[in-house]
PDB file of N, CA and C in Angstrom:
ATOM      1  N   MET A   1      59.109 -37.926 -80.488  1.00  0.00           N
ATOM      2  CA  MET A   1      58.721 -36.960 -81.505  1.00  0.00           C
ATOM      3  C   MET A   1      57.475 -36.203 -81.032  1.00  0.00           C
ATOM      4  N   ILE A   2      57.528 -34.913 -81.161  1.00  0.00           N
ATOM      5  CA  ILE A   2      56.380 -34.081 -80.805  1.00  0.00           C
ATOM      6  C   ILE A   2      55.418 -34.034 -81.986  1.00  0.00           C
ATOM      7  N   ILE A   3      54.179 -34.355 -81.732  1.00  0.00           N
ATOM      8  CA  ILE A   3      53.136 -34.316 -82.756  1.00  0.00           C
ATOM      9  C   ILE A   3      52.269 -33.094 -82.511  1.00  0.00           C
ATOM     10  N   LYS A   4      52.048 -32.316 -83.572  1.00  0.00           N
ATOM     11  CA  LYS A   4      51.136 -31.171 -83.506  1.00  0.00           C
ATOM     12  C   LYS A   4      50.174 -31.296 -84.684  1.00  0.00           C
ATOM     13  N   ALA A   5      48.889 -31.417 -84.376  1.00  0.00           N
ATOM     14  CA  ALA A   5      47.891 -31.598 -85.435  1.00  0.00           C
ATOM     15  C   ALA A   5      46.637 -30.805 -85.119  1.00  0.00           C
ATOM     16  N   VAL A   6      46.073 -30.208 -86.164  1.00  0.00           N
ATOM     17  CA  VAL A   6      44.793 -29.517 -86.038  1.00  0.00           C
ATOM     18  C   VAL A   6      43.805 -30.206 -86.981  1.00  0.00           C
ATOM     19  N   PHE A   7      42.769 -30.770 -86.395  1.00  0.00           N
ATOM     20  CA  PHE A   7      41.698 -31.395 -87.163  1.00  0.00           C
ATOM     21  C   PHE A   7      40.621 -30.346 -87.385  1.00  0.00           C
ATOM     22  N   HIS A   8      40.101 -30.293 -88.599  1.00  0.00           N
ATOM     23  CA  HIS A   8      39.091 -29.295 -88.961  1.00  0.00           C
ATOM     24  C   HIS A   8      37.793 -30.024 -89.291  1.00  0.00           C
ATOM     25  N   ILE A   9      36.725 -29.632 -88.636  1.00  0.00           N
ATOM     26  CA  ILE A   9      35.414 -30.207 -88.948  1.00  0.00           C
ATOM     27  C   ILE A   9      34.399 -29.089 -89.104  1.00  0.00           C
ATOM     28  N   ASP A  10      33.671 -29.133 -90.222  1.00  0.00           N
ATOM     29  CA  ASP A  10      32.629 -28.130 -90.468  1.00  0.00           C
ATOM     30  C   ASP A  10      31.296 -28.761 -90.865  1.00  0.00           C
ATOM     31  N   GLU A  11      31.267 -30.085 -90.953  1.00  0.00           N
ATOM     32  CA  GLU A  11      30.036 -30.799 -91.307  1.00  0.00           C
ATOM     33  C   GLU A  11      29.657 -31.723 -90.152  1.00  0.00           C
ATOM     34  N   ILE A  12      28.467 -31.567 -89.641  1.00  0.00           N
ATOM     35  CA  ILE A  12      28.045 -32.371 -88.486  1.00  0.00           C
ATOM     36  C   ILE A  12      28.063 -33.867 -88.810  1.00  0.00           C
ATOM     37  N   GLU A  13      27.848 -34.214 -90.066  1.00  0.00           N
ATOM     38  CA  GLU A  13      27.837 -35.621 -90.481  1.00  0.00           C
ATOM     39  C   GLU A  13      29.216 -36.259 -90.391  1.00  0.00           C
ATOM     40  N   LYS A  14      30.268 -35.465 -90.290  1.00  0.00           N
ATOM     41  CA  LYS A  14      31.639 -35.995 -90.292  1.00  0.00           C
ATOM     42  C   LYS A  14      32.213 -36.198 -88.893  1.00  0.00           C
ATOM     43  N   TRP A  15      31.403 -35.993 -87.856  1.00  0.00           N
ATOM     44  CA  TRP A  15      31.928 -36.135 -86.502  1.00  0.00           C
ATOM     45  C   TRP A  15      32.455 -37.537 -86.228  1.00  0.00           C
ATOM     46  N   ASP A  16      31.728 -38.583 -86.610  1.00  0.00           N
ATOM     47  CA  ASP A  16      32.184 -39.948 -86.331  1.00  0.00           C
ATOM     48  C   ASP A  16      33.545 -40.209 -86.962  1.00  0.00           C
ATOM     49  N   LEU A  17      33.711 -39.790 -88.201  1.00  0.00           N
ATOM     50  CA  LEU A  17      34.984 -39.975 -88.897  1.00  0.00           C
ATOM     51  C   LEU A  17      36.096 -39.174 -88.223  1.00  0.00           C
ATOM     52  N   THR A  18      35.806 -37.940 -87.885  1.00  0.00           N
ATOM     53  CA  THR A  18      36.808 -37.092 -87.237  1.00  0.00           C
ATOM     54  C   THR A  18      37.219 -37.673 -85.889  1.00  0.00           C
ATOM     55  N   LEU A  19      36.239 -38.075 -85.094  1.00  0.00           N
ATOM     56  CA  LEU A  19      36.543 -38.661 -83.787  1.00  0.00           C
ATOM     57  C   LEU A  19      37.371 -39.932 -83.931  1.00  0.00           C
ATOM     58  N   ALA A  20      37.036 -40.767 -84.898  1.00  0.00           N
ATOM     59  CA  ALA A  20      37.796 -41.999 -85.127  1.00  0.00           C
ATOM     60  C   ALA A  20      39.233 -41.678 -85.522  1.00  0.00           C
ATOM     61  N   ASN A  21      39.422 -40.672 -86.370  1.00  0.00           N
ATOM     62  CA  ASN A  21      40.770 -40.265 -86.777  1.00  0.00           C
ATOM     63  C   ASN A  21      41.592 -39.809 -85.574  1.00  0.00           C
ATOM     64  N   VAL A  22      40.998 -38.987 -84.732  1.00  0.00           N
ATOM     65  CA  VAL A  22      41.713 -38.482 -83.556  1.00  0.00           C
ATOM     66  C   VAL A  22      42.012 -39.626 -82.587  1.00  0.00           C
ATOM     67  N   GLU A  23      41.032 -40.482 -82.343  1.00  0.00           N
ATOM     68  CA  GLU A  23      41.235 -41.615 -81.433  1.00  0.00           C
ATOM     69  C   GLU A  23      42.350 -42.526 -81.935  1.00  0.00           C
ATOM     70  N   ASN A  24      42.387 -42.790 -83.237  1.00  0.00           N
ATOM     71  CA  ASN A  24      43.445 -43.627 -83.802  1.00  0.00           C
ATOM     72  C   ASN A  24      44.809 -42.964 -83.660  1.00  0.00           C
ATOM     73  N   LEU A  25      44.873 -41.666 -83.880  1.00  0.00           N
ATOM     74  CA  LEU A  25      46.139 -40.949 -83.721  1.00  0.00           C
ATOM     75  C   LEU A  25      46.633 -41.055 -82.282  1.00  0.00           C
ATOM     76  N   LEU A  26      45.743 -40.868 -81.332  1.00  0.00           N
ATOM     77  CA  LEU A  26      46.136 -40.910 -79.924  1.00  0.00           C
ATOM     78  C   LEU A  26      46.725 -42.260 -79.523  1.00  0.00           C
ATOM     79  N   LYS A  27      46.300 -43.331 -80.183  1.00  0.00           N
ATOM     80  CA  LYS A  27      46.817 -44.666 -79.870  1.00  0.00           C
ATOM     81  C   LYS A  27      48.287 -44.818 -80.248  1.00  0.00           C
ATOM     82  N   GLY A  28      48.758 -43.992 -81.192  1.00  0.00           N
ATOM     83  CA  GLY A  28      50.112 -44.178 -81.699  1.00  0.00           C
ATOM     84  C   GLY A  28      51.092 -43.069 -81.378  1.00  0.00           C
ATOM     85  N   ILE A  29      50.741 -42.191 -80.430  1.00  0.00           N
ATOM     86  CA  ILE A  29      51.637 -41.079 -80.117  1.00  0.00           C
ATOM     87  C   ILE A  29      51.849 -40.966 -78.610  1.00  0.00           C
ATOM     88  N   ASP A  30      52.872 -40.220 -78.255  1.00  0.00           N
ATOM     89  CA  ASP A  30      53.115 -39.869 -76.858  1.00  0.00           C
ATOM     90  C   ASP A  30      52.229 -38.666 -76.546  1.00  0.00           C
ATOM     91  N   ILE A  31      51.123 -38.900 -75.880  1.00  0.00           N
ATOM     92  CA  ILE A  31      50.127 -37.852 -75.630  1.00  0.00           C
ATOM     93  C   ILE A  31      50.723 -36.682 -74.851  1.00  0.00           C
ATOM     94  N   GLU A  32      51.607 -36.981 -73.913  1.00  0.00           N
ATOM     95  CA  GLU A  32      52.179 -35.919 -73.076  1.00  0.00           C
ATOM     96  C   GLU A  32      53.041 -34.944 -73.873  1.00  0.00           C
ATOM     97  N   ASN A  33      53.581 -35.381 -74.995  1.00  0.00           N
ATOM     98  CA  ASN A  33      54.431 -34.520 -75.820  1.00  0.00           C
ATOM     99  C   ASN A  33      53.769 -34.187 -77.150  1.00  0.00           C
ATOM    100  N   SER A  34      52.461 -34.124 -77.158  1.00  0.00           N
ATOM    101  CA  SER A  34      51.728 -33.850 -78.389  1.00  0.00           C
ATOM    102  C   SER A  34      50.695 -32.759 -78.150  1.00  0.00           C
ATOM    103  N   TYR A  35      50.333 -32.106 -79.240  1.00  0.00           N
ATOM    104  CA  TYR A  35      49.359 -31.019 -79.195  1.00  0.00           C
ATOM    105  C   TYR A  35      48.324 -31.269 -80.285  1.00  0.00           C
ATOM    106  N   ILE A  36      47.117 -31.591 -79.867  1.00  0.00           N
ATOM    107  CA  ILE A  36      46.053 -31.925 -80.808  1.00  0.00           C
ATOM    108  C   ILE A  36      44.872 -30.996 -80.558  1.00  0.00           C
ATOM    109  N   GLU A  37      44.364 -30.411 -81.636  1.00  0.00           N
ATOM    110  CA  GLU A  37      43.175 -29.560 -81.564  1.00  0.00           C
ATOM    111  C   GLU A  37      42.159 -30.048 -82.579  1.00  0.00           C
ATOM    112  N   ILE A  38      40.895 -29.900 -82.219  1.00  0.00           N
ATOM    113  CA  ILE A  38      39.811 -30.056 -83.186  1.00  0.00           C
ATOM    114  C   ILE A  38      39.155 -28.691 -83.289  1.00  0.00           C
ATOM    115  N   VAL A  39      39.277 -28.070 -84.464  1.00  0.00           N
ATOM    116  CA  VAL A  39      38.650 -26.772 -84.699  1.00  0.00           C
ATOM    117  C   VAL A  39      37.309 -27.024 -85.369  1.00  0.00           C
ATOM    118  N   VAL A  40      36.258 -26.503 -84.735  1.00  0.00           N
ATOM    119  CA  VAL A  40      34.888 -26.780 -85.152  1.00  0.00           C
ATOM    120  C   VAL A  40      34.237 -25.491 -85.636  1.00  0.00           C
ATOM    121  N   ASN A  41      33.734 -25.517 -86.868  1.00  0.00           N
ATOM    122  CA  ASN A  41      32.981 -24.356 -87.356  1.00  0.00           C
ATOM    123  C   ASN A  41      31.770 -24.825 -88.145  1.00  0.00           C
ATOM    124  N   SER A  42      31.048 -23.874 -88.698  1.00  0.00           N
ATOM    125  CA  SER A  42      29.816 -24.129 -89.435  1.00  0.00           C
ATOM    126  C   SER A  42      28.857 -24.965 -88.566  1.00  0.00           C
ATOM    127  N   LYS A  43      28.057 -25.808 -89.186  1.00  0.00           N
ATOM    128  CA  LYS A  43      27.038 -26.553 -88.433  1.00  0.00           C
ATOM    129  C   LYS A  43      27.613 -27.624 -87.515  1.00  0.00           C
ATOM    130  N   ALA A  44      28.880 -27.947 -87.677  1.00  0.00           N
ATOM    131  CA  ALA A  44      29.497 -28.943 -86.795  1.00  0.00           C
ATOM    132  C   ALA A  44      29.523 -28.489 -85.342  1.00  0.00           C
ATOM    133  N   VAL A  45      29.424 -27.171 -85.096  1.00  0.00           N
ATOM    134  CA  VAL A  45      29.425 -26.680 -83.704  1.00  0.00           C
ATOM    135  C   VAL A  45      28.205 -27.167 -82.926  1.00  0.00           C
ATOM    136  N   LEU A  46      27.174 -27.599 -83.613  1.00  0.00           N
ATOM    137  CA  LEU A  46      25.986 -28.122 -82.924  1.00  0.00           C
ATOM    138  C   LEU A  46      26.344 -29.290 -82.004  1.00  0.00           C
ATOM    139  N   ALA A  47      27.382 -30.042 -82.353  1.00  0.00           N
ATOM    140  CA  ALA A  47      27.796 -31.189 -81.541  1.00  0.00           C
ATOM    141  C   ALA A  47      28.528 -30.777 -80.269  1.00  0.00           C
ATOM    142  N   CYS A  48      28.845 -29.511 -80.135  1.00  0.00           N
ATOM    143  CA  CYS A  48      29.511 -29.005 -78.924  1.00  0.00           C
ATOM    144  C   CYS A  48      28.511 -28.588 -77.854  1.00  0.00           C
ATOM    145  N   LYS A  49      27.232 -28.685 -78.183  1.00  0.00           N
ATOM    146  CA  LYS A  49      26.189 -28.326 -77.215  1.00  0.00           C
ATOM    147  C   LYS A  49      26.047 -29.424 -76.157  1.00  0.00           C
ATOM    148  N   LYS A  50      25.597 -29.036 -74.989  1.00  0.00           N
ATOM    149  CA  LYS A  50      25.493 -29.954 -73.857  1.00  0.00           C
ATOM    150  C   LYS A  50      24.574 -31.141 -74.106  1.00  0.00           C
ATOM    151  N   ASP A  51      23.652 -31.035 -75.031  1.00  0.00           N
ATOM    152  CA  ASP A  51      22.738 -32.148 -75.315  1.00  0.00           C
ATOM    153  C   ASP A  51      23.236 -33.049 -76.452  1.00  0.00           C
ATOM    154  N   SER A  52      24.491 -32.919 -76.796  1.00  0.00           N
ATOM    155  CA  SER A  52      25.066 -33.656 -77.918  1.00  0.00           C
ATOM    156  C   SER A  52      25.142 -35.157 -77.644  1.00  0.00           C
ATOM    157  N   LYS A  53      25.005 -35.933 -78.708  1.00  0.00           N
ATOM    158  CA  LYS A  53      25.082 -37.391 -78.601  1.00  0.00           C
ATOM    159  C   LYS A  53      26.520 -37.894 -78.492  1.00  0.00           C
ATOM    160  N   ILE A  54      27.484 -37.025 -78.748  1.00  0.00           N
ATOM    161  CA  ILE A  54      28.886 -37.462 -78.720  1.00  0.00           C
ATOM    162  C   ILE A  54      29.626 -36.939 -77.488  1.00  0.00           C
ATOM    163  N   SER A  55      28.898 -36.553 -76.480  1.00  0.00           N
ATOM    164  CA  SER A  55      29.513 -35.935 -75.299  1.00  0.00           C
ATOM    165  C   SER A  55      30.573 -36.818 -74.643  1.00  0.00           C
ATOM    166  N   GLU A  56      30.293 -38.101 -74.499  1.00  0.00           N
ATOM    167  CA  GLU A  56      31.251 -38.994 -73.843  1.00  0.00           C
ATOM    168  C   GLU A  56      32.547 -39.084 -74.630  1.00  0.00           C
ATOM    169  N   LYS A  57      32.437 -39.145 -75.954  1.00  0.00           N
ATOM    170  CA  LYS A  57      33.642 -39.220 -76.783  1.00  0.00           C
ATOM    171  C   LYS A  57      34.447 -37.929 -76.692  1.00  0.00           C
ATOM    172  N   LEU A  58      33.757 -36.798 -76.689  1.00  0.00           N
ATOM    173  CA  LEU A  58      34.457 -35.518 -76.567  1.00  0.00           C
ATOM    174  C   LEU A  58      35.160 -35.419 -75.218  1.00  0.00           C
ATOM    175  N   GLU A  59      34.481 -35.816 -74.158  1.00  0.00           N
ATOM    176  CA  GLU A  59      35.078 -35.770 -72.821  1.00  0.00           C
ATOM    177  C   GLU A  59      36.309 -36.661 -72.738  1.00  0.00           C
ATOM    178  N   LYS A  60      36.250 -37.824 -73.365  1.00  0.00           N
ATOM    179  CA  LYS A  60      37.402 -38.731 -73.362  1.00  0.00           C
ATOM    180  C   LYS A  60      38.582 -38.098 -74.095  1.00  0.00           C
ATOM    181  N   LEU A  61      38.314 -37.451 -75.225  1.00  0.00           N
ATOM    182  CA  LEU A  61      39.396 -36.795 -75.960  1.00  0.00           C
ATOM    183  C   LEU A  61      40.010 -35.675 -75.134  1.00  0.00           C
ATOM    184  N   VAL A  62      39.172 -34.887 -74.504  1.00  0.00           N
ATOM    185  CA  VAL A  62      39.671 -33.783 -73.676  1.00  0.00           C
ATOM    186  C   VAL A  62      40.535 -34.331 -72.535  1.00  0.00           C
ATOM    187  N   SER A  63      40.148 -35.466 -71.969  1.00  0.00           N
ATOM    188  CA  SER A  63      40.951 -36.068 -70.897  1.00  0.00           C
ATOM    189  C   SER A  63      42.303 -36.556 -71.414  1.00  0.00           C
ATOM    190  N   ASN A  64      42.421 -36.693 -72.730  1.00  0.00           N
ATOM    191  CA  ASN A  64      43.680 -37.083 -73.368  1.00  0.00           C
ATOM    192  C   ASN A  64      44.384 -35.884 -74.007  1.00  0.00           C
ATOM    193  N   LYS A  65      44.136 -34.707 -73.463  1.00  0.00           N
ATOM    194  CA  LYS A  65      44.814 -33.467 -73.858  1.00  0.00           C
ATOM    195  C   LYS A  65      44.444 -32.959 -75.248  1.00  0.00           C
ATOM    196  N   VAL A  66      43.292 -33.329 -75.766  1.00  0.00           N
ATOM    197  CA  VAL A  66      42.816 -32.793 -77.045  1.00  0.00           C
ATOM    198  C   VAL A  66      41.976 -31.558 -76.739  1.00  0.00           C
ATOM    199  N   ASP A  67      42.277 -30.460 -77.427  1.00  0.00           N
ATOM    200  CA  ASP A  67      41.495 -29.237 -77.256  1.00  0.00           C
ATOM    201  C   ASP A  67      40.374 -29.190 -78.290  1.00  0.00           C
ATOM    202  N   ILE A  68      39.182 -28.873 -77.834  1.00  0.00           N
ATOM    203  CA  ILE A  68      38.028 -28.683 -78.711  1.00  0.00           C
ATOM    204  C   ILE A  68      37.826 -27.173 -78.829  1.00  0.00           C
ATOM    205  N   ILE A  69      37.951 -26.655 -80.044  1.00  0.00           N
ATOM    206  CA  ILE A  69      37.914 -25.213 -80.291  1.00  0.00           C
ATOM    207  C   ILE A  69      36.718 -24.896 -81.188  1.00  0.00           C
ATOM    208  N   ALA A  70      35.823 -24.058 -80.707  1.00  0.00           N
ATOM    209  CA  ALA A  70      34.628 -23.685 -81.481  1.00  0.00           C
ATOM    210  C   ALA A  70      34.768 -22.270 -82.027  1.00  0.00           C
ATOM    211  N   CYS A  71      34.272 -22.081 -83.233  1.00  0.00           N
ATOM    212  CA  CYS A  71      34.276 -20.779 -83.900  1.00  0.00           C
ATOM    213  C   CYS A  71      33.107 -19.934 -83.389  1.00  0.00           C
ATOM    214  N   ASN A  72      33.418 -18.774 -82.853  1.00  0.00           N
ATOM    215  CA  ASN A  72      32.375 -17.899 -82.331  1.00  0.00           C
ATOM    216  C   ASN A  72      31.440 -17.410 -83.435  1.00  0.00           C
ATOM    217  N   ASN A  73      31.965 -17.184 -84.635  1.00  0.00           N
ATOM    218  CA  ASN A  73      31.099 -16.764 -85.744  1.00  0.00           C
ATOM    219  C   ASN A  73      30.028 -17.813 -86.021  1.00  0.00           C
ATOM    220  N   ALA A  74      30.424 -19.082 -86.024  1.00  0.00           N
ATOM    221  CA  ALA A  74      29.460 -20.162 -86.258  1.00  0.00           C
ATOM    222  C   ALA A  74      28.439 -20.225 -85.127  1.00  0.00           C
ATOM    223  N   LEU A  75      28.915 -20.059 -83.901  1.00  0.00           N
ATOM    224  CA  LEU A  75      27.998 -20.083 -82.753  1.00  0.00           C
ATOM    225  C   LEU A  75      26.954 -18.978 -82.876  1.00  0.00           C
ATOM    226  N   LYS A  76      27.404 -17.785 -83.224  1.00  0.00           N
ATOM    227  CA  LYS A  76      26.477 -16.659 -83.385  1.00  0.00           C
ATOM    228  C   LYS A  76      25.484 -16.919 -84.510  1.00  0.00           C
ATOM    229  N   ASN A  77      25.984 -17.426 -85.644  1.00  0.00           N
ATOM    230  CA  ASN A  77      25.113 -17.684 -86.796  1.00  0.00           C
ATOM    231  C   ASN A  77      24.032 -18.714 -86.489  1.00  0.00           C
ATOM    232  N   LEU A  78      24.323 -19.621 -85.570  1.00  0.00           N
ATOM    233  CA  LEU A  78      23.367 -20.674 -85.206  1.00  0.00           C
ATOM    234  C   LEU A  78      22.648 -20.367 -83.893  1.00  0.00           C
ATOM    235  N   ASN A  79      22.815 -19.146 -83.397  1.00  0.00           N
ATOM    236  CA  ASN A  79      22.164 -18.711 -82.151  1.00  0.00           C
ATOM    237  C   ASN A  79      22.472 -19.625 -80.967  1.00  0.00           C
ATOM    238  N   ILE A  80      23.730 -20.027 -80.867  1.00  0.00           N
ATOM    239  CA  ILE A  80      24.170 -20.869 -79.755  1.00  0.00           C
ATOM    240  C   ILE A  80      24.897 -19.980 -78.747  1.00  0.00           C
ATOM    241  N   GLU A  81      24.377 -19.947 -77.537  1.00  0.00           N
ATOM    242  CA  GLU A  81      24.987 -19.159 -76.460  1.00  0.00           C
ATOM    243  C   GLU A  81      26.106 -19.974 -75.801  1.00  0.00           C
ATOM    244  N   ASN A  82      27.094 -19.287 -75.266  1.00  0.00           N
ATOM    245  CA  ASN A  82      28.221 -19.961 -74.618  1.00  0.00           C
ATOM    246  C   ASN A  82      27.772 -20.921 -73.519  1.00  0.00           C
ATOM    247  N   GLU A  83      26.721 -20.556 -72.777  1.00  0.00           N
ATOM    248  CA  GLU A  83      26.228 -21.406 -71.688  1.00  0.00           C
ATOM    249  C   GLU A  83      25.671 -22.732 -72.195  1.00  0.00           C
ATOM    250  N   MET A  84      25.370 -22.805 -73.468  1.00  0.00           N
ATOM    251  CA  MET A  84      24.804 -24.018 -74.052  1.00  0.00           C
ATOM    252  C   MET A  84      25.887 -25.042 -74.398  1.00  0.00           C
ATOM    253  N   LEU A  85      27.153 -24.633 -74.291  1.00  0.00           N
ATOM    254  CA  LEU A  85      28.274 -25.491 -74.666  1.00  0.00           C
ATOM    255  C   LEU A  85      28.844 -26.213 -73.453  1.00  0.00           C
ATOM    256  N   TYR A  86      29.529 -27.317 -73.723  1.00  0.00           N
ATOM    257  CA  TYR A  86      30.281 -27.988 -72.667  1.00  0.00           C
ATOM    258  C   TYR A  86      31.343 -27.032 -72.154  1.00  0.00           C
ATOM    259  N   SER A  87      31.654 -27.133 -70.880  1.00  0.00           N
ATOM    260  CA  SER A  87      32.630 -26.224 -70.271  1.00  0.00           C
ATOM    261  C   SER A  87      34.030 -26.400 -70.846  1.00  0.00           C
ATOM    262  N   PHE A  88      34.328 -27.567 -71.401  1.00  0.00           N
ATOM    263  CA  PHE A  88      35.667 -27.800 -71.941  1.00  0.00           C
ATOM    264  C   PHE A  88      35.865 -27.227 -73.346  1.00  0.00           C
ATOM    265  N   VAL A  89      34.814 -26.739 -73.965  1.00  0.00           N
ATOM    266  CA  VAL A  89      34.928 -26.165 -75.314  1.00  0.00           C
ATOM    267  C   VAL A  89      35.512 -24.761 -75.204  1.00  0.00           C
ATOM    268  N   LYS A  90      36.606 -24.561 -75.930  1.00  0.00           N
ATOM    269  CA  LYS A  90      37.230 -23.242 -75.981  1.00  0.00           C
ATOM    270  C   LYS A  90      36.682 -22.509 -77.200  1.00  0.00           C
ATOM    271  N   ILE A  91      36.493 -21.216 -77.073  1.00  0.00           N
ATOM    272  CA  ILE A  91      35.908 -20.432 -78.161  1.00  0.00           C
ATOM    273  C   ILE A  91      36.943 -19.457 -78.699  1.00  0.00           C
ATOM    274  N   VAL A  92      37.057 -19.425 -80.023  1.00  0.00           N
ATOM    275  CA  VAL A  92      37.911 -18.443 -80.694  1.00  0.00           C
ATOM    276  C   VAL A  92      37.019 -17.580 -81.575  1.00  0.00           C
ATOM    277  N   PRO A  93      37.419 -16.335 -81.824  1.00  0.00           N
ATOM    278  CA  PRO A  93      36.577 -15.449 -82.635  1.00  0.00           C
ATOM    279  C   PRO A  93      36.326 -15.975 -84.050  1.00  0.00           C
ATOM    280  N   ILE A  94      37.388 -16.513 -84.681  1.00  0.00           N
ATOM    281  CA  ILE A  94      37.294 -16.944 -86.078  1.00  0.00           C
ATOM    282  C   ILE A  94      37.988 -18.302 -86.209  1.00  0.00           C
ATOM    283  N   GLY A  95      37.223 -19.336 -86.485  1.00  0.00           N
ATOM    284  CA  GLY A  95      37.773 -20.686 -86.572  1.00  0.00           C
ATOM    285  C   GLY A  95      38.847 -20.852 -87.626  1.00  0.00           C
ATOM    286  N   VAL A  96      38.626 -20.315 -88.807  1.00  0.00           N
ATOM    287  CA  VAL A  96      39.619 -20.490 -89.875  1.00  0.00           C
ATOM    288  C   VAL A  96      40.916 -19.764 -89.539  1.00  0.00           C
ATOM    289  N   LYS A  97      40.830 -18.670 -88.809  1.00  0.00           N
ATOM    290  CA  LYS A  97      42.055 -17.981 -88.377  1.00  0.00           C
ATOM    291  C   LYS A  97      42.844 -18.869 -87.426  1.00  0.00           C
ATOM    292  N   GLU A  98      42.155 -19.559 -86.529  1.00  0.00           N
ATOM    293  CA  GLU A  98      42.811 -20.495 -85.611  1.00  0.00           C
ATOM    294  C   GLU A  98      43.574 -21.556 -86.395  1.00  0.00           C
ATOM    295  N   ILE A  99      42.969 -22.058 -87.464  1.00  0.00           N
ATOM    296  CA  ILE A  99      43.628 -23.065 -88.295  1.00  0.00           C
ATOM    297  C   ILE A  99      44.879 -22.486 -88.941  1.00  0.00           C
ATOM    298  N   ILE A 100      44.773 -21.285 -89.470  1.00  0.00           N
ATOM    299  CA  ILE A 100      45.922 -20.633 -90.109  1.00  0.00           C
ATOM    300  C   ILE A 100      47.050 -20.432 -89.104  1.00  0.00           C
ATOM    301  N   VAL A 101      46.719 -19.941 -87.925  1.00  0.00           N
ATOM    302  CA  VAL A 101      47.727 -19.715 -86.881  1.00  0.00           C
ATOM    303  C   VAL A 101      48.417 -21.029 -86.530  1.00  0.00           C
ATOM    304  N   LYS A 102      47.646 -22.073 -86.346  1.00  0.00           N
ATOM    305  CA  LYS A 102      48.230 -23.365 -85.984  1.00  0.00           C
ATOM    306  C   LYS A 102      49.129 -23.902 -87.093  1.00  0.00           C
ATOM    307  N   GLN A 103      48.746 -23.705 -88.342  1.00  0.00           N
ATOM    308  CA  GLN A 103      49.600 -24.152 -89.437  1.00  0.00           C
ATOM    309  C   GLN A 103      50.923 -23.388 -89.427  1.00  0.00           C
ATOM    310  N   HIS A 104      50.881 -22.108 -89.137  1.00  0.00           N
ATOM    311  CA  HIS A 104      52.114 -21.321 -89.036  1.00  0.00           C
ATOM    312  C   HIS A 104      52.971 -21.777 -87.859  1.00  0.00           C
ATOM    313  N   GLU A 105      52.348 -22.356 -86.853  1.00  0.00           N
ATOM    314  CA  GLU A 105      53.072 -22.876 -85.689  1.00  0.00           C
ATOM    315  C   GLU A 105      53.575 -24.298 -85.920  1.00  0.00           C
ATOM    316  N   GLY A 106      53.371 -24.824 -87.119  1.00  0.00           N
ATOM    317  CA  GLY A 106      53.884 -26.145 -87.457  1.00  0.00           C
ATOM    318  C   GLY A 106      52.915 -27.293 -87.269  1.00  0.00           C
ATOM    319  N   TYR A 107      51.657 -27.001 -87.029  1.00  0.00           N
ATOM    320  CA  TYR A 107      50.654 -28.050 -86.891  1.00  0.00           C
ATOM    321  C   TYR A 107      50.312 -28.629 -88.261  1.00  0.00           C
ATOM    322  N   ALA A 108      50.122 -29.936 -88.309  1.00  0.00           N
ATOM    323  CA  ALA A 108      49.617 -30.579 -89.519  1.00  0.00           C
ATOM    324  C   ALA A 108      48.117 -30.323 -89.593  1.00  0.00           C
ATOM    325  N   TYR A 109      47.630 -30.005 -90.786  1.00  0.00           N
ATOM    326  CA  TYR A 109      46.199 -29.759 -91.000  1.00  0.00           C
ATOM    327  C   TYR A 109      45.558 -31.042 -91.499  1.00  0.00           C
ATOM    328  N   ILE A 110      44.507 -31.479 -90.818  1.00  0.00           N
ATOM    329  CA  ILE A 110      43.813 -32.708 -91.198  1.00  0.00           C
ATOM    330  C   ILE A 110      42.320 -32.418 -91.263  1.00  0.00           C
ATOM    331  N   LYS A 111      41.724 -32.716 -92.405  1.00  0.00           N
ATOM    332  CA  LYS A 111      40.275 -32.540 -92.567  1.00  0.00           C
ATOM    333  C   LYS A 111      39.698 -33.853 -93.089  1.00  0.00           C
ATOM    334  N   PRO A 112      39.192 -34.681 -92.159  1.00  0.00           N
ATOM    335  CA  PRO A 112      38.641 -35.982 -92.578  1.00  0.00           C
ATOM    336  C   PRO A 112      37.421 -35.824 -93.478  1.00  0.00           C
TER     337      PRO A 112
END
């Protein structure tokens, strides 16, 4: 079974819960036939910066084919330059639009 899920995080305090949810999902699916994204907006984008405390967990998820997607609007609002982010973070112009597009593509929406 192909799994397609988009996790949405907009609160920096919810990173531990979101990461745990994604890690648990990965344990029970065929990673090679699955598509998992974490769409990050609002203040949660602060955790995508290179000095983040969750860098190892993010890198592990990326190595398991999880895409980390940051909202450019949130980055601009928080004065975060692209160079300040991990290289594996993908940037989209509007985070909520990314979520809408993924839902239209059949992704399950999950907001821990």
